Amino acid sequence: MSHSTVPRSGTEADETAKTPVASGDATGSGAGQRSSGKLSLRLRFRRDRILLLMTLPAVALVLLFNYVPILGNIVAFQDYDPYISDNGIVSMLHSPWVGLENFQRIFEDSAFWDAVTNTLVLFFLQLVLYFPIPILLALLINSVVRPRVRAVSQAILYLPHFFSWVLVIAVFQQLFGGAGILSQLLRQHGYDGLDIMTDPETFKYLITAQSVWKDAGWGIIVFLAALSSVPTDLYEAAAMDGAGRWRRMWHVTLPALRPVIALLLVLRVGDALTVGFEQILLQRDSVGPGASEVLDTFVWWNGVRNQDFGYAAAAGLVKGVVSLGLVLAANKVAHLMGEQGVYKK
């Protein structure tokens, strides 16, 4: 017979199986390189051209309203006079240059440091009292078994977010003002009435309570979305291991929420110097600037009311730089904790 029927040893068979065919190996290698290699910019643009066209309007709006106004920061280094010309650009070009004089005035102004102090106090107070409340409400709503009760609870908590600050302050005025329901109730029982709305000592707590009532329900959305992505198998496995409700929340729910909490905390820290311009401005006159002046109202008062545009622009620029530094620092802390934060390392 021309063909041998003697079986080959296992070693020979393995070596033969491991030896690639020349043409097949070349083809496979080329396909692997094509699959693992990056596409060129032209091919990626052609592939994603529809998505890029869809994002063009949003990119144009961001550039127009967020990045183009950055050029106006040059006013912080000038004694800007908008009445030189009807064209704002011409006014910037012809306004006298003062260098760092506006910044020197800021750091020597006690009113600026009072605004910084009020801003930081409100931020830390809202961080401690306001930030955890959406998390707690999301855990509470997520524990509700009946879908109808859950939907009604969400709707009730979401509703104040759509109220304007004028309406929110009016509601609090009717409740806690000098002629409000609480004051009238105290007078009916022989006590002195109280006016929380005009008390500078309690103003920071009033601002925090208004923010909680208005926006806590809206913040629940992000945490409920994170909770919905937690596999039910984890809860079942924890329950089979004897973990109660509190143990499951501590070891399953909170670890699932940790990346979202870290991200929102970083964003909140970056927004530390912005504590509600409209909300505070509407109540500024009732308690006085000593208790209510924050950096945003300080910039508005000096820039719009006092027409000192260069000084106000310098204060706003300082606020922006400090906010950027806070975002970078908070994001670094998130990386050290093992979370992604706003961006990856």
Foldseek 3Di string as FASTA:
>chain_A
DPDDPDDDDPVVVVVVVPDDDPVVVVVVVVVVCVVPDDDDPVVVCVVCVVVVVVCVVVVVVCCVPPPVCVVVLLLLQFQFDCPPDVDNVVSSVPTHGRGCPLVVVLVVDVLNVLQAVLLLVLLVVLVVPPLCLLVVVLVVLVPDDDPVVSVVVLCQQQVLQPDDLVVLVVVVCQDQAQPHPQQVVQVVVPHHGHGLLQALVCVSVVLSVSCNSRCSSVVNVVLNVLQVPFDVVLVVVCVVVPDDPVRCCVPGSVVSCVQVSLQVVLVSQLCSQPSDDVNLVVSCVSHHCSRRRHLVVVLCCCCPVVVSPNSSSNSVVVSNVVSVVSSVVSCVVCVVVVHQHPHHD
